[in-house]
Amino acid sequence: MTAITIYSEGLGLSHGDFFRIIPRLFPDATLQLLNNGAEIEWSDGRMVKIVLSEEKVRNLGLLKFPMTDVHFSFHECSQDFLDEFMVVFDRGFQKGGG
């Protein structure tokens, strides 16, 4: 299998939220936090590298929201795994609203 890279631009995600939440999302993997993201590795050789851009701010009127571009690199991962990973990642960082 080859490496697959996905680039997500402008996710409503702060670095603080990322580093607080990511350790809980994939308990069956080994996680290594890096200054600019994380590496997640499973015992069967699958690996996901996540690189965060500098944190930006999106202004909507008087409201300010954190924004971060995210690069995902998948190594030795099937398309089914990639799809499942992204669902878990997206759900993990959803925020409630009213």
Protein backbone atom coordinates (compact mmCIF):
# COMPACT_ATOMS: atom_id res chain seq x y z
CA MET A 1 0.00 0.00 0.00
CA THR A 2 1.16 3.50 -0.68
CA ALA A 3 0.92 6.57 1.49
CA ILE A 4 -2.20 8.69 1.20
CA THR A 5 -2.23 12.35 2.22
CA ILE A 6 -5.32 14.38 3.02
CA TYR A 7 -5.26 18.12 3.60
CA SER A 8 -8.09 19.74 5.56
CA GLU A 9 -8.14 23.51 5.43
CA GLY A 10 -9.59 25.70 8.13
CA LEU A 11 -10.87 23.20 10.69
CA GLY A 12 -12.47 24.88 13.71
CA LEU A 13 -9.83 23.41 15.96
CA SER A 14 -7.38 24.92 18.41
CA HIS A 15 -4.04 23.32 19.19
CA GLY A 16 -5.13 23.05 22.83
CA ASP A 17 -8.24 21.07 21.84
CA PHE A 18 -6.21 18.82 19.55
CA PHE A 19 -3.63 17.89 22.20
CA ARG A 20 -6.32 17.39 24.84
CA ILE A 21 -8.66 15.22 22.74
CA ILE A 22 -6.44 13.16 20.38
CA PRO A 23 -5.05 10.84 23.11
CA ARG A 24 -8.57 9.53 23.82
CA LEU A 25 -9.63 8.77 20.25
CA PHE A 26 -7.54 5.72 19.33
CA PRO A 27 -6.95 3.66 22.49
CA ASP A 28 -5.79 0.59 20.53
CA ALA A 29 -2.83 2.49 19.04
CA THR A 30 0.44 3.98 20.26
CA LEU A 31 0.34 7.77 20.20
CA GLN A 32 3.35 10.06 20.10
CA LEU A 33 2.56 13.75 20.50
CA LEU A 34 4.82 16.12 18.57
CA ASN A 35 5.19 19.90 18.77
CA ASN A 36 3.17 20.29 15.58
CA GLY A 37 0.88 17.25 15.67
CA ALA A 38 1.03 13.55 16.37
CA GLU A 39 2.02 10.12 15.08
CA ILE A 40 -0.36 7.24 15.69
CA GLU A 41 0.79 3.67 15.08
CA TRP A 42 -0.98 0.33 15.33
CA SER A 43 0.73 -2.99 16.04
CA ASP A 44 0.09 -4.24 12.48
CA GLY A 45 2.17 -1.43 10.93
CA ARG A 46 -0.54 1.07 10.06
CA MET A 47 0.53 4.63 10.83
CA VAL A 48 -1.11 8.04 10.64
CA LYS A 49 0.92 11.22 10.85
CA ILE A 50 -0.94 14.43 11.66
CA VAL A 51 0.68 17.84 11.11
CA LEU A 52 -1.01 21.03 12.32
CA SER A 53 -0.50 24.46 10.79
CA GLU A 54 -0.03 27.53 12.93
CA GLU A 55 -3.27 28.31 14.71
CA LYS A 56 -5.27 31.10 13.05
CA VAL A 57 -8.33 33.05 14.12
CA ARG A 58 -11.54 33.37 12.13
CA ASN A 59 -13.58 36.46 12.96
CA LEU A 60 -17.36 36.43 12.55
CA GLY A 61 -18.52 39.80 13.77
CA LEU A 62 -17.50 40.00 17.40
CA LEU A 63 -16.94 36.23 17.64
CA LYS A 64 -13.47 34.72 17.23
CA PHE A 65 -12.94 31.05 16.40
CA PRO A 66 -9.68 29.09 16.26
CA MET A 67 -8.80 27.64 12.87
CA THR A 68 -6.10 25.13 12.01
CA ASP A 69 -5.15 23.47 8.73
CA VAL A 70 -4.44 19.76 9.19
CA HIS A 71 -2.38 17.34 7.06
CA PHE A 72 -3.05 13.62 7.50
CA SER A 73 -0.61 11.06 6.05
CA PHE A 74 -1.77 7.45 6.09
CA HIS A 75 0.83 4.69 5.73
CA GLU A 76 -0.04 1.01 5.20
CA CYS A 77 -3.74 1.83 5.60
CA SER A 78 -6.66 0.52 3.55
CA GLN A 79 -9.35 2.85 2.23
CA ASP A 80 -11.82 1.33 4.73
CA PHE A 81 -9.44 2.12 7.60
CA LEU A 82 -8.90 5.66 6.31
CA ASP A 83 -12.66 6.24 6.12
CA GLU A 84 -13.18 4.86 9.64
CA PHE A 85 -10.30 6.92 11.03
CA MET A 86 -11.72 10.15 9.61
CA VAL A 87 -15.18 9.43 11.07
CA VAL A 88 -13.66 8.87 14.54
CA PHE A 89 -11.48 11.98 14.18
CA ASP A 90 -14.39 14.18 13.04
CA ARG A 91 -16.71 12.93 15.81
CA GLY A 92 -14.02 13.41 18.42
CA PHE A 93 -13.65 17.09 17.61
CA GLN A 94 -17.32 17.97 17.15
CA LYS A 95 -18.57 20.56 19.58
CA GLY A 96 -22.07 20.77 20.93
CA GLY A 97 -24.26 23.68 20.08
CA GLY A 98 -27.65 24.92 20.94
